[in-house]
Amino acid sequence: MDVPGDAVRLTIYVGETDHFHGTPMYEAIVRRAREHGLAGATVLHGILGYGKASTVHVARILRLSEDLPVTIDIVDSRERIESFLPIVDSIVTNGLVTTEAIRVVLYRHDKTV
């Protein structure tokens, strides 16, 4: 990805219990993004949320399993994100997918690490 400059953030909202061919959906998306050569991806685990069904999901200490919200953020050029959208469409069976134009100010990698 050529940065800094204009880019697109792809955000995918799914539940932590959503799967794709036996793999957590968020993991399948991140692995496909890497295979697709996208600049990077981050998975964030929510503690409270609700979606289309309006069921509130909340983290509680005494409960073992909740379908808590998970978001996957991917930033890259508009062209690369748009070419990745059909892959996302083939994976996400339950969730929300958004894109927004952003401006990348800084993108660095310390090659000594």
N, C-alpha and C. Protein backbone atom coordinates (compact mmCIF):
# COMPACT_ATOMS: atom_id res chain seq x y z
N MET A 1 0.84 -1.17 0.00
CA MET A 1 0.00 0.00 0.00
C MET A 1 0.89 1.24 0.00
N ASP A 2 0.63 2.14 -0.91
CA ASP A 2 1.34 3.40 -0.95
C ASP A 2 0.70 4.36 0.03
N VAL A 3 1.46 4.78 1.04
CA VAL A 3 0.94 5.68 2.06
C VAL A 3 2.00 6.70 2.40
N PRO A 4 1.68 7.82 3.02
CA PRO A 4 0.35 8.24 3.41
C PRO A 4 -0.47 8.69 2.22
N GLY A 5 -1.76 8.82 2.43
CA GLY A 5 -2.64 9.27 1.37
C GLY A 5 -4.04 8.74 1.56
N ASP A 6 -4.83 8.89 0.51
CA ASP A 6 -6.22 8.44 0.56
C ASP A 6 -6.27 6.92 0.55
N ALA A 7 -7.18 6.39 1.35
CA ALA A 7 -7.36 4.95 1.45
C ALA A 7 -8.81 4.67 1.82
N VAL A 8 -9.12 3.40 2.00
CA VAL A 8 -10.46 2.98 2.41
C VAL A 8 -10.31 2.03 3.59
N ARG A 9 -11.20 2.22 4.59
CA ARG A 9 -11.27 1.28 5.71
C ARG A 9 -12.47 0.38 5.47
N LEU A 10 -12.22 -0.90 5.43
CA LEU A 10 -13.27 -1.91 5.36
C LEU A 10 -13.48 -2.41 6.78
N THR A 11 -14.72 -2.31 7.26
CA THR A 11 -15.04 -2.81 8.59
C THR A 11 -16.12 -3.87 8.46
N ILE A 12 -15.86 -5.01 9.08
CA ILE A 12 -16.77 -6.15 9.02
C ILE A 12 -17.19 -6.47 10.45
N TYR A 13 -18.49 -6.48 10.71
CA TYR A 13 -19.04 -6.75 12.03
C TYR A 13 -19.66 -8.15 12.01
N VAL A 14 -19.17 -9.03 12.86
CA VAL A 14 -19.70 -10.39 12.97
C VAL A 14 -19.77 -10.76 14.44
N GLY A 15 -20.28 -11.94 14.72
CA GLY A 15 -20.31 -12.46 16.08
C GLY A 15 -19.14 -13.40 16.30
N GLU A 16 -18.68 -13.50 17.54
CA GLU A 16 -17.53 -14.35 17.83
C GLU A 16 -17.81 -15.83 17.57
N THR A 17 -19.07 -16.23 17.57
CA THR A 17 -19.39 -17.64 17.33
C THR A 17 -19.64 -17.95 15.86
N ASP A 18 -19.59 -16.94 14.99
CA ASP A 18 -19.80 -17.18 13.56
C ASP A 18 -18.58 -17.91 12.98
N HIS A 19 -18.87 -18.90 12.15
CA HIS A 19 -17.80 -19.71 11.56
C HIS A 19 -17.94 -19.78 10.05
N PHE A 20 -16.83 -20.10 9.41
CA PHE A 20 -16.77 -20.33 7.97
C PHE A 20 -15.96 -21.60 7.75
N HIS A 21 -16.64 -22.66 7.35
CA HIS A 21 -16.01 -23.97 7.13
C HIS A 21 -15.19 -24.41 8.33
N GLY A 22 -15.77 -24.28 9.53
CA GLY A 22 -15.14 -24.76 10.74
C GLY A 22 -14.11 -23.83 11.37
N THR A 23 -13.86 -22.69 10.77
CA THR A 23 -12.91 -21.71 11.28
C THR A 23 -13.67 -20.48 11.73
N PRO A 24 -13.27 -19.85 12.84
CA PRO A 24 -13.93 -18.60 13.19
C PRO A 24 -13.93 -17.64 12.00
N MET A 25 -15.08 -17.01 11.76
CA MET A 25 -15.23 -16.16 10.59
C MET A 25 -14.19 -15.05 10.56
N TYR A 26 -13.92 -14.43 11.71
CA TYR A 26 -12.93 -13.36 11.74
C TYR A 26 -11.56 -13.86 11.32
N GLU A 27 -11.21 -15.07 11.72
CA GLU A 27 -9.91 -15.64 11.34
C GLU A 27 -9.87 -15.95 9.84
N ALA A 28 -10.95 -16.48 9.31
CA ALA A 28 -11.01 -16.77 7.87
C ALA A 28 -10.85 -15.49 7.06
N ILE A 29 -11.48 -14.41 7.51
CA ILE A 29 -11.38 -13.13 6.78
C ILE A 29 -9.96 -12.60 6.84
N VAL A 30 -9.34 -12.61 8.02
CA VAL A 30 -7.97 -12.10 8.14
C VAL A 30 -7.00 -12.92 7.31
N ARG A 31 -7.15 -14.23 7.33
CA ARG A 31 -6.25 -15.07 6.52
C ARG A 31 -6.43 -14.79 5.02
N ARG A 32 -7.68 -14.62 4.58
CA ARG A 32 -7.92 -14.30 3.17
C ARG A 32 -7.38 -12.92 2.81
N ALA A 33 -7.49 -11.96 3.75
CA ALA A 33 -6.95 -10.62 3.50
C ALA A 33 -5.44 -10.70 3.31
N ARG A 34 -4.78 -11.50 4.13
CA ARG A 34 -3.32 -11.66 4.01
C ARG A 34 -2.98 -12.32 2.67
N GLU A 35 -3.70 -13.38 2.32
CA GLU A 35 -3.48 -14.05 1.04
C GLU A 35 -3.70 -13.10 -0.13
N HIS A 36 -4.64 -12.19 0.04
CA HIS A 36 -4.98 -11.21 -1.00
C HIS A 36 -3.95 -10.09 -1.08
N GLY A 37 -3.04 -10.04 -0.11
CA GLY A 37 -1.99 -9.04 -0.12
C GLY A 37 -2.39 -7.68 0.42
N LEU A 38 -3.46 -7.63 1.23
CA LEU A 38 -3.88 -6.36 1.78
C LEU A 38 -2.88 -5.89 2.84
N ALA A 39 -2.87 -4.59 3.09
CA ALA A 39 -1.85 -3.96 3.94
C ALA A 39 -1.86 -4.48 5.37
N GLY A 40 -3.01 -4.80 5.91
CA GLY A 40 -3.08 -5.30 7.28
C GLY A 40 -4.52 -5.40 7.74
N ALA A 41 -4.72 -6.12 8.83
CA ALA A 41 -6.05 -6.31 9.39
C ALA A 41 -5.94 -6.37 10.90
N THR A 42 -6.99 -5.88 11.57
CA THR A 42 -7.06 -5.93 13.03
C THR A 42 -8.43 -6.45 13.43
N VAL A 43 -8.45 -7.38 14.38
CA VAL A 43 -9.70 -7.91 14.90
C VAL A 43 -9.89 -7.35 16.31
N LEU A 44 -11.05 -6.77 16.54
CA LEU A 44 -11.38 -6.20 17.84
C LEU A 44 -12.56 -6.96 18.44
N HIS A 45 -12.43 -7.32 19.71
CA HIS A 45 -13.45 -8.09 20.41
C HIS A 45 -14.27 -7.16 21.28
N GLY A 46 -15.57 -7.11 21.05
CA GLY A 46 -16.44 -6.23 21.81
C GLY A 46 -16.90 -6.86 23.11
N ILE A 47 -17.37 -6.03 24.03
CA ILE A 47 -17.89 -6.52 25.30
C ILE A 47 -19.40 -6.36 25.41
N LEU A 48 -19.98 -5.61 24.46
CA LEU A 48 -21.42 -5.40 24.47
C LEU A 48 -21.86 -4.97 23.08
N GLY A 49 -22.99 -5.47 22.63
CA GLY A 49 -23.51 -5.04 21.34
C GLY A 49 -24.80 -5.74 20.98
N TYR A 50 -25.42 -5.25 19.92
CA TYR A 50 -26.59 -5.92 19.35
C TYR A 50 -26.60 -5.66 17.86
N GLY A 51 -27.31 -6.49 17.14
CA GLY A 51 -27.34 -6.37 15.69
C GLY A 51 -28.76 -6.40 15.16
N LYS A 52 -28.91 -6.93 13.96
CA LYS A 52 -30.18 -6.90 13.25
C LYS A 52 -31.32 -7.54 14.03
N ALA A 53 -31.03 -8.59 14.78
CA ALA A 53 -32.06 -9.27 15.55
C ALA A 53 -32.39 -8.54 16.85
N SER A 54 -31.65 -7.48 17.17
CA SER A 54 -31.83 -6.66 18.37
C SER A 54 -31.62 -7.42 19.67
N THR A 55 -30.94 -8.54 19.63
CA THR A 55 -30.58 -9.28 20.83
C THR A 55 -29.31 -8.68 21.40
N VAL A 56 -29.35 -8.26 22.66
CA VAL A 56 -28.17 -7.67 23.29
C VAL A 56 -27.25 -8.79 23.76
N HIS A 57 -25.99 -8.71 23.38
CA HIS A 57 -24.97 -9.66 23.78
C HIS A 57 -24.00 -8.93 24.70
N VAL A 58 -23.75 -9.51 25.86
CA VAL A 58 -22.91 -8.84 26.85
C VAL A 58 -21.96 -9.85 27.49
N ALA A 59 -20.75 -9.40 27.80
CA ALA A 59 -19.77 -10.25 28.49
C ALA A 59 -20.12 -10.29 29.97
N ARG A 60 -20.24 -11.49 30.50
CA ARG A 60 -20.50 -11.68 31.92
C ARG A 60 -19.50 -12.69 32.46
N ILE A 61 -19.04 -12.48 33.64
CA ILE A 61 -18.02 -13.35 34.23
C ILE A 61 -18.52 -14.78 34.39
N LEU A 62 -19.76 -14.95 34.81
CA LEU A 62 -20.27 -16.29 35.12
C LEU A 62 -20.80 -17.06 33.92
N ARG A 63 -20.85 -16.44 32.76
CA ARG A 63 -21.33 -17.15 31.58
C ARG A 63 -20.14 -17.58 30.73
N LEU A 64 -20.19 -18.79 30.23
CA LEU A 64 -19.08 -19.31 29.45
C LEU A 64 -19.13 -18.87 28.00
N SER A 65 -20.32 -18.76 27.44
CA SER A 65 -20.41 -18.49 26.01
C SER A 65 -21.40 -17.37 25.73
N GLU A 66 -20.94 -16.37 25.08
CA GLU A 66 -21.77 -15.28 24.60
C GLU A 66 -21.38 -15.07 23.15
N ASP A 67 -22.31 -14.65 22.36
CA ASP A 67 -21.99 -14.33 20.97
C ASP A 67 -21.63 -12.85 20.91
N LEU A 68 -20.48 -12.53 21.46
CA LEU A 68 -20.05 -11.13 21.55
C LEU A 68 -19.66 -10.59 20.18
N PRO A 69 -19.76 -9.27 20.02
CA PRO A 69 -19.42 -8.68 18.72
C PRO A 69 -17.92 -8.70 18.45
N VAL A 70 -17.60 -8.88 17.19
CA VAL A 70 -16.22 -8.84 16.72
C VAL A 70 -16.21 -7.95 15.48
N THR A 71 -15.22 -7.05 15.41
CA THR A 71 -15.06 -6.25 14.19
C THR A 71 -13.69 -6.53 13.60
N ILE A 72 -13.65 -6.55 12.29
CA ILE A 72 -12.41 -6.71 11.55
C ILE A 72 -12.21 -5.43 10.75
N ASP A 73 -11.11 -4.72 10.99
CA ASP A 73 -10.78 -3.51 10.24
C ASP A 73 -9.63 -3.81 9.30
N ILE A 74 -9.81 -3.42 8.06
CA ILE A 74 -8.78 -3.59 7.03
C ILE A 74 -8.65 -2.26 6.30
N VAL A 75 -7.42 -1.77 6.15
CA VAL A 75 -7.18 -0.51 5.46
C VAL A 75 -6.27 -0.77 4.28
N ASP A 76 -6.66 -0.26 3.13
CA ASP A 76 -5.83 -0.35 1.93
C ASP A 76 -6.40 0.61 0.89
N SER A 77 -5.88 0.54 -0.31
CA SER A 77 -6.37 1.42 -1.38
C SER A 77 -7.79 1.02 -1.77
N ARG A 78 -8.51 1.96 -2.35
CA ARG A 78 -9.89 1.69 -2.79
C ARG A 78 -9.94 0.48 -3.74
N GLU A 79 -9.02 0.44 -4.67
CA GLU A 79 -9.03 -0.65 -5.66
C GLU A 79 -8.82 -2.01 -5.00
N ARG A 80 -7.87 -2.08 -4.06
CA ARG A 80 -7.58 -3.36 -3.42
C ARG A 80 -8.73 -3.80 -2.50
N ILE A 81 -9.34 -2.84 -1.80
CA ILE A 81 -10.50 -3.18 -0.96
C ILE A 81 -11.66 -3.64 -1.83
N GLU A 82 -11.93 -2.93 -2.91
CA GLU A 82 -13.04 -3.32 -3.78
C GLU A 82 -12.81 -4.70 -4.39
N SER A 83 -11.58 -5.04 -4.71
CA SER A 83 -11.31 -6.36 -5.27
C SER A 83 -11.44 -7.46 -4.22
N PHE A 84 -11.36 -7.09 -2.95
CA PHE A 84 -11.50 -8.05 -1.85
C PHE A 84 -12.96 -8.26 -1.44
N LEU A 85 -13.84 -7.33 -1.76
CA LEU A 85 -15.24 -7.41 -1.34
C LEU A 85 -15.95 -8.70 -1.79
N PRO A 86 -15.73 -9.22 -3.00
CA PRO A 86 -16.39 -10.49 -3.34
C PRO A 86 -15.97 -11.64 -2.44
N ILE A 87 -14.73 -11.63 -1.96
CA ILE A 87 -14.27 -12.66 -1.03
C ILE A 87 -15.02 -12.52 0.29
N VAL A 88 -15.14 -11.28 0.78
CA VAL A 88 -15.89 -11.03 2.01
C VAL A 88 -17.33 -11.50 1.84
N ASP A 89 -17.92 -11.19 0.70
CA ASP A 89 -19.31 -11.58 0.43
C ASP A 89 -19.48 -13.10 0.48
N SER A 90 -18.46 -13.83 0.05
CA SER A 90 -18.55 -15.29 0.05
C SER A 90 -18.38 -15.89 1.44
N ILE A 91 -17.81 -15.13 2.37
CA ILE A 91 -17.56 -15.63 3.73
C ILE A 91 -18.64 -15.21 4.71
N VAL A 92 -19.05 -13.94 4.65
CA VAL A 92 -19.96 -13.38 5.66
C VAL A 92 -21.40 -13.78 5.33
N THR A 93 -21.94 -14.64 6.17
CA THR A 93 -23.34 -15.07 6.01
C THR A 93 -24.25 -14.34 6.98
N ASN A 94 -23.65 -13.74 8.00
CA ASN A 94 -24.40 -13.07 9.06
C ASN A 94 -23.53 -11.93 9.57
N GLY A 95 -23.90 -10.70 9.31
CA GLY A 95 -23.09 -9.58 9.79
C GLY A 95 -23.34 -8.32 8.98
N LEU A 96 -22.46 -7.36 9.16
CA LEU A 96 -22.55 -6.06 8.51
C LEU A 96 -21.18 -5.73 7.94
N VAL A 97 -21.16 -5.20 6.72
CA VAL A 97 -19.91 -4.81 6.07
C VAL A 97 -20.03 -3.36 5.64
N THR A 98 -19.05 -2.53 6.02
CA THR A 98 -19.06 -1.12 5.65
C THR A 98 -17.69 -0.73 5.09
N THR A 99 -17.69 0.34 4.31
CA THR A 99 -16.44 0.95 3.87
C THR A 99 -16.55 2.45 4.09
N GLU A 100 -15.41 3.07 4.32
CA GLU A 100 -15.39 4.52 4.41
C GLU A 100 -14.06 5.03 3.91
N ALA A 101 -14.10 6.19 3.27
CA ALA A 101 -12.89 6.84 2.79
C ALA A 101 -12.15 7.43 3.99
N ILE A 102 -10.85 7.20 4.03
CA ILE A 102 -10.02 7.74 5.10
C ILE A 102 -8.74 8.30 4.50
N ARG A 103 -7.99 9.00 5.32
CA ARG A 103 -6.68 9.48 4.93
C ARG A 103 -5.65 8.88 5.87
N VAL A 104 -4.73 8.12 5.32
CA VAL A 104 -3.67 7.52 6.12
C VAL A 104 -2.59 8.58 6.33
N VAL A 105 -2.26 8.83 7.56
CA VAL A 105 -1.25 9.84 7.90
C VAL A 105 0.11 9.20 8.06
N LEU A 106 0.14 7.97 8.59
CA LEU A 106 1.40 7.30 8.88
C LEU A 106 1.20 5.80 8.78
N TYR A 107 2.14 5.12 8.14
CA TYR A 107 2.13 3.65 8.06
C TYR A 107 3.56 3.21 8.00
N ARG A 108 4.06 2.67 9.11
CA ARG A 108 5.47 2.30 9.21
C ARG A 108 5.63 0.87 9.67
N HIS A 109 6.78 0.32 9.34
CA HIS A 109 7.16 -1.01 9.81
C HIS A 109 8.63 -0.93 10.22
N ASP A 110 8.89 -1.25 11.47
CA ASP A 110 10.26 -1.26 11.97
C ASP A 110 10.92 -2.57 11.52
N LYS A 111 11.79 -2.48 10.57
CA LYS A 111 12.41 -3.68 9.99
C LYS A 111 13.38 -4.37 10.92
N THR A 112 13.72 -3.75 12.07
CA THR A 112 14.63 -4.38 13.01
C THR A 112 13.95 -5.37 13.93
N VAL A 113 12.61 -5.36 13.95
CA VAL A 113 11.87 -6.24 14.84
C VAL A 113 11.67 -7.57 14.19
